[in-house]
Amino acid sequence: MKKDYLFLFIQIGLIIFLSIEQIKVRWEISVLYGNQNSINAEYQNLKEEEYKLKTEAYFLNSPARVEKYAKEKLLMHKVKPKPKVIEK
């Protein structure tokens, strides 16, 4: 009879322990799922920012813009090459 109560007590204790562990695992999964959502959102924002920065870099390095800046701000102008006369 005492063995039956001891066995029953061990079973109840094991069930309680496993239930608590199950709750902890489910909570950790929900936290990680939330973290994944925020990480995905941040990743999308960073991709958009990268796209904007690449577009700006292409604009700033465009040959027409560089030429315009050289003419207006640096007062540079194009020089036509002088023809070379090759003597024989």
N, C-alpha and C. Protein backbone atom coordinates (compact mmCIF):
# COMPACT_ATOMS: atom_id res chain seq x y z
N MET A 1 0.80 -1.18 0.00
CA MET A 1 0.00 0.00 0.00
C MET A 1 0.86 1.27 0.00
N LYS A 2 1.93 1.26 0.80
CA LYS A 2 2.82 2.39 0.84
C LYS A 2 3.51 2.56 -0.50
N LYS A 3 3.85 1.44 -1.14
CA LYS A 3 4.50 1.50 -2.43
C LYS A 3 3.58 2.14 -3.46
N ASP A 4 2.30 1.83 -3.36
CA ASP A 4 1.33 2.39 -4.30
C ASP A 4 1.26 3.91 -4.16
N TYR A 5 1.27 4.43 -2.94
CA TYR A 5 1.22 5.86 -2.71
C TYR A 5 2.51 6.52 -3.19
N LEU A 6 3.63 5.90 -2.93
CA LEU A 6 4.92 6.43 -3.37
C LEU A 6 4.96 6.48 -4.90
N PHE A 7 4.52 5.41 -5.53
CA PHE A 7 4.51 5.36 -6.99
C PHE A 7 3.56 6.42 -7.56
N LEU A 8 2.41 6.60 -6.93
CA LEU A 8 1.45 7.61 -7.34
C LEU A 8 2.02 9.01 -7.16
N PHE A 9 2.69 9.25 -6.04
CA PHE A 9 3.32 10.54 -5.77
C PHE A 9 4.40 10.85 -6.80
N ILE A 10 5.20 9.86 -7.16
CA ILE A 10 6.25 10.04 -8.17
C ILE A 10 5.62 10.37 -9.53
N GLN A 11 4.55 9.68 -9.88
CA GLN A 11 3.88 9.93 -11.14
C GLN A 11 3.30 11.34 -11.21
N ILE A 12 2.65 11.76 -10.12
CA ILE A 12 2.08 13.11 -10.07
C ILE A 12 3.19 14.16 -10.16
N GLY A 13 4.27 13.94 -9.44
CA GLY A 13 5.42 14.86 -9.49
C GLY A 13 6.00 14.95 -10.89
N LEU A 14 6.13 13.80 -11.55
CA LEU A 14 6.65 13.77 -12.91
C LEU A 14 5.72 14.50 -13.88
N ILE A 15 4.43 14.32 -13.73
CA ILE A 15 3.46 15.00 -14.59
C ILE A 15 3.53 16.52 -14.39
N ILE A 16 3.65 16.95 -13.13
CA ILE A 16 3.75 18.38 -12.85
C ILE A 16 5.04 18.94 -13.44
N PHE A 17 6.14 18.24 -13.26
CA PHE A 17 7.43 18.69 -13.79
C PHE A 17 7.37 18.80 -15.31
N LEU A 18 6.83 17.79 -15.98
CA LEU A 18 6.75 17.81 -17.44
C LEU A 18 5.80 18.90 -17.94
N SER A 19 4.74 19.17 -17.20
CA SER A 19 3.82 20.24 -17.57
C SER A 19 4.51 21.60 -17.49
N ILE A 20 5.28 21.81 -16.44
CA ILE A 20 6.02 23.07 -16.30
C ILE A 20 7.04 23.20 -17.42
N GLU A 21 7.74 22.14 -17.73
CA GLU A 21 8.71 22.17 -18.83
C GLU A 21 8.04 22.47 -20.16
N GLN A 22 6.87 21.91 -20.39
CA GLN A 22 6.13 22.16 -21.62
C GLN A 22 5.74 23.64 -21.72
N ILE A 23 5.30 24.20 -20.61
CA ILE A 23 4.94 25.63 -20.59
C ILE A 23 6.16 26.49 -20.90
N LYS A 24 7.31 26.15 -20.31
CA LYS A 24 8.54 26.92 -20.56
C LYS A 24 8.96 26.83 -22.02
N VAL A 25 8.87 25.65 -22.61
CA VAL A 25 9.26 25.48 -24.01
C VAL A 25 8.33 26.27 -24.93
N ARG A 26 7.03 26.22 -24.67
CA ARG A 26 6.08 26.98 -25.48
C ARG A 26 6.32 28.48 -25.37
N TRP A 27 6.64 28.93 -24.16
CA TRP A 27 6.93 30.35 -23.97
C TRP A 27 8.19 30.75 -24.74
N GLU A 28 9.24 29.93 -24.69
CA GLU A 28 10.47 30.22 -25.43
C GLU A 28 10.21 30.25 -26.93
N ILE A 29 9.40 29.34 -27.43
CA ILE A 29 9.06 29.32 -28.85
C ILE A 29 8.33 30.59 -29.25
N SER A 30 7.39 31.03 -28.42
CA SER A 30 6.66 32.26 -28.75
C SER A 30 7.58 33.48 -28.74
N VAL A 31 8.52 33.52 -27.80
CA VAL A 31 9.48 34.63 -27.75
C VAL A 31 10.36 34.61 -29.00
N LEU A 32 10.85 33.45 -29.37
CA LEU A 32 11.71 33.35 -30.55
C LEU A 32 10.94 33.69 -31.81
N TYR A 33 9.68 33.30 -31.89
CA TYR A 33 8.86 33.63 -33.05
C TYR A 33 8.68 35.15 -33.16
N GLY A 34 8.48 35.80 -32.04
CA GLY A 34 8.38 37.27 -32.02
C GLY A 34 9.68 37.92 -32.44
N ASN A 35 10.79 37.38 -31.96
CA ASN A 35 12.10 37.90 -32.36
C ASN A 35 12.31 37.73 -33.86
N GLN A 36 11.89 36.62 -34.40
CA GLN A 36 12.06 36.38 -35.83
C GLN A 36 11.27 37.39 -36.65
N ASN A 37 10.07 37.71 -36.21
CA ASN A 37 9.27 38.71 -36.92
C ASN A 37 9.94 40.08 -36.91
N SER A 38 10.47 40.48 -35.76
CA SER A 38 11.13 41.79 -35.69
C SER A 38 12.42 41.78 -36.50
N ILE A 39 13.13 40.67 -36.52
CA ILE A 39 14.36 40.58 -37.31
C ILE A 39 14.03 40.65 -38.80
N ASN A 40 12.96 39.98 -39.23
CA ASN A 40 12.55 40.04 -40.64
C ASN A 40 12.16 41.46 -41.04
N ALA A 41 11.45 42.16 -40.17
CA ALA A 41 11.05 43.54 -40.47
C ALA A 41 12.28 44.43 -40.58
N GLU A 42 13.23 44.26 -39.68
CA GLU A 42 14.45 45.06 -39.72
C GLU A 42 15.27 44.74 -40.98
N TYR A 43 15.28 43.47 -41.37
CA TYR A 43 15.99 43.07 -42.59
C TYR A 43 15.39 43.74 -43.81
N GLN A 44 14.05 43.79 -43.88
CA GLN A 44 13.39 44.45 -45.01
C GLN A 44 13.72 45.94 -45.02
N ASN A 45 13.73 46.57 -43.85
CA ASN A 45 14.09 48.00 -43.78
C ASN A 45 15.52 48.22 -44.25
N LEU A 46 16.43 47.34 -43.87
CA LEU A 46 17.82 47.48 -44.29
C LEU A 46 17.98 47.26 -45.79
N LYS A 47 17.20 46.35 -46.38
CA LYS A 47 17.25 46.15 -47.83
C LYS A 47 16.77 47.40 -48.56
N GLU A 48 15.70 48.02 -48.05
CA GLU A 48 15.20 49.25 -48.67
C GLU A 48 16.23 50.37 -48.56
N GLU A 49 16.86 50.48 -47.40
CA GLU A 49 17.89 51.51 -47.20
C GLU A 49 19.08 51.27 -48.14
N GLU A 50 19.47 50.01 -48.29
CA GLU A 50 20.57 49.69 -49.21
C GLU A 50 20.22 50.08 -50.64
N TYR A 51 18.98 49.81 -51.05
CA TYR A 51 18.54 50.18 -52.39
C TYR A 51 18.60 51.69 -52.59
N LYS A 52 18.14 52.45 -51.58
CA LYS A 52 18.18 53.91 -51.67
C LYS A 52 19.63 54.42 -51.75
N LEU A 53 20.51 53.82 -50.95
CA LEU A 53 21.91 54.25 -50.96
C LEU A 53 22.60 53.92 -52.28
N LYS A 54 22.29 52.77 -52.85
CA LYS A 54 22.87 52.42 -54.15
C LYS A 54 22.38 53.38 -55.23
N THR A 55 21.09 53.70 -55.19
CA THR A 55 20.54 54.65 -56.16
C THR A 55 21.21 56.01 -56.02
N GLU A 56 21.40 56.45 -54.80
CA GLU A 56 22.07 57.74 -54.58
C GLU A 56 23.51 57.70 -55.05
N ALA A 57 24.21 56.60 -54.82
CA ALA A 57 25.59 56.48 -55.27
C ALA A 57 25.67 56.52 -56.80
N TYR A 58 24.76 55.83 -57.48
CA TYR A 58 24.75 55.86 -58.94
C TYR A 58 24.47 57.28 -59.43
N PHE A 59 23.56 57.99 -58.77
CA PHE A 59 23.25 59.36 -59.15
C PHE A 59 24.47 60.27 -58.96
N LEU A 60 25.12 60.15 -57.80
CA LEU A 60 26.26 61.02 -57.51
C LEU A 60 27.45 60.75 -58.42
N ASN A 61 27.59 59.52 -58.89
CA ASN A 61 28.73 59.17 -59.74
C ASN A 61 28.40 59.20 -61.23
N SER A 62 27.24 59.73 -61.58
CA SER A 62 26.88 59.75 -63.00
C SER A 62 27.79 60.72 -63.75
N PRO A 63 28.23 60.34 -64.96
CA PRO A 63 29.14 61.19 -65.73
C PRO A 63 28.57 62.58 -66.03
N ALA A 64 27.28 62.67 -66.31
CA ALA A 64 26.68 63.97 -66.61
C ALA A 64 26.75 64.89 -65.40
N ARG A 65 26.49 64.36 -64.21
CA ARG A 65 26.54 65.17 -63.00
C ARG A 65 27.97 65.60 -62.70
N VAL A 66 28.91 64.71 -62.87
CA VAL A 66 30.32 65.04 -62.62
C VAL A 66 30.77 66.13 -63.59
N GLU A 67 30.38 66.00 -64.86
CA GLU A 67 30.76 67.00 -65.85
C GLU A 67 30.14 68.36 -65.52
N LYS A 68 28.89 68.38 -65.14
CA LYS A 68 28.21 69.62 -64.77
C LYS A 68 28.89 70.28 -63.58
N TYR A 69 29.24 69.46 -62.58
CA TYR A 69 29.92 69.99 -61.39
C TYR A 69 31.28 70.58 -61.77
N ALA A 70 32.01 69.89 -62.65
CA ALA A 70 33.33 70.36 -63.06
C ALA A 70 33.21 71.69 -63.80
N LYS A 71 32.20 71.82 -64.65
CA LYS A 71 32.04 73.06 -65.41
C LYS A 71 31.60 74.22 -64.52
N GLU A 72 30.60 73.98 -63.64
CA GLU A 72 30.03 75.07 -62.86
C GLU A 72 30.85 75.44 -61.63
N LYS A 73 31.25 74.47 -60.88
CA LYS A 73 31.93 74.75 -59.60
C LYS A 73 33.44 74.89 -59.74
N LEU A 74 34.03 74.06 -60.57
CA LEU A 74 35.50 74.07 -60.69
C LEU A 74 35.98 74.88 -61.88
N LEU A 75 35.02 75.40 -62.66
CA LEU A 75 35.32 76.23 -63.83
C LEU A 75 36.24 75.51 -64.81
N MET A 76 36.00 74.27 -65.02
CA MET A 76 36.78 73.48 -65.98
C MET A 76 36.01 73.45 -67.29
N HIS A 77 36.71 73.19 -68.36
CA HIS A 77 36.06 73.07 -69.66
C HIS A 77 36.76 71.99 -70.46
N LYS A 78 36.05 71.52 -71.46
CA LYS A 78 36.62 70.47 -72.29
C LYS A 78 37.61 71.09 -73.25
N VAL A 79 38.69 70.40 -73.45
CA VAL A 79 39.70 70.84 -74.39
C VAL A 79 39.65 69.93 -75.59
N LYS A 80 39.54 70.54 -76.75
CA LYS A 80 39.55 69.74 -77.96
C LYS A 80 40.99 69.36 -78.27
N PRO A 81 41.18 68.11 -78.61
CA PRO A 81 42.57 67.69 -78.89
C PRO A 81 43.08 68.35 -80.17
N LYS A 82 44.34 68.72 -80.09
CA LYS A 82 44.97 69.34 -81.28
C LYS A 82 45.44 68.22 -82.19
N PRO A 83 45.20 68.37 -83.46
CA PRO A 83 45.66 67.31 -84.37
C PRO A 83 47.18 67.29 -84.44
N LYS A 84 47.73 66.12 -84.43
CA LYS A 84 49.17 65.96 -84.51
C LYS A 84 49.56 65.79 -85.98
N VAL A 85 50.55 66.46 -86.35
CA VAL A 85 51.04 66.34 -87.69
C VAL A 85 52.26 65.42 -87.63
N ILE A 86 52.16 64.34 -88.34
CA ILE A 86 53.26 63.38 -88.36
C ILE A 86 54.11 63.65 -89.61
N GLU A 87 55.34 63.99 -89.39
CA GLU A 87 56.23 64.27 -90.50
C GLU A 87 57.04 63.02 -90.81
N LYS A 88 57.23 62.81 -92.10
CA LYS A 88 58.01 61.64 -92.51
C LYS A 88 59.37 62.02 -92.95
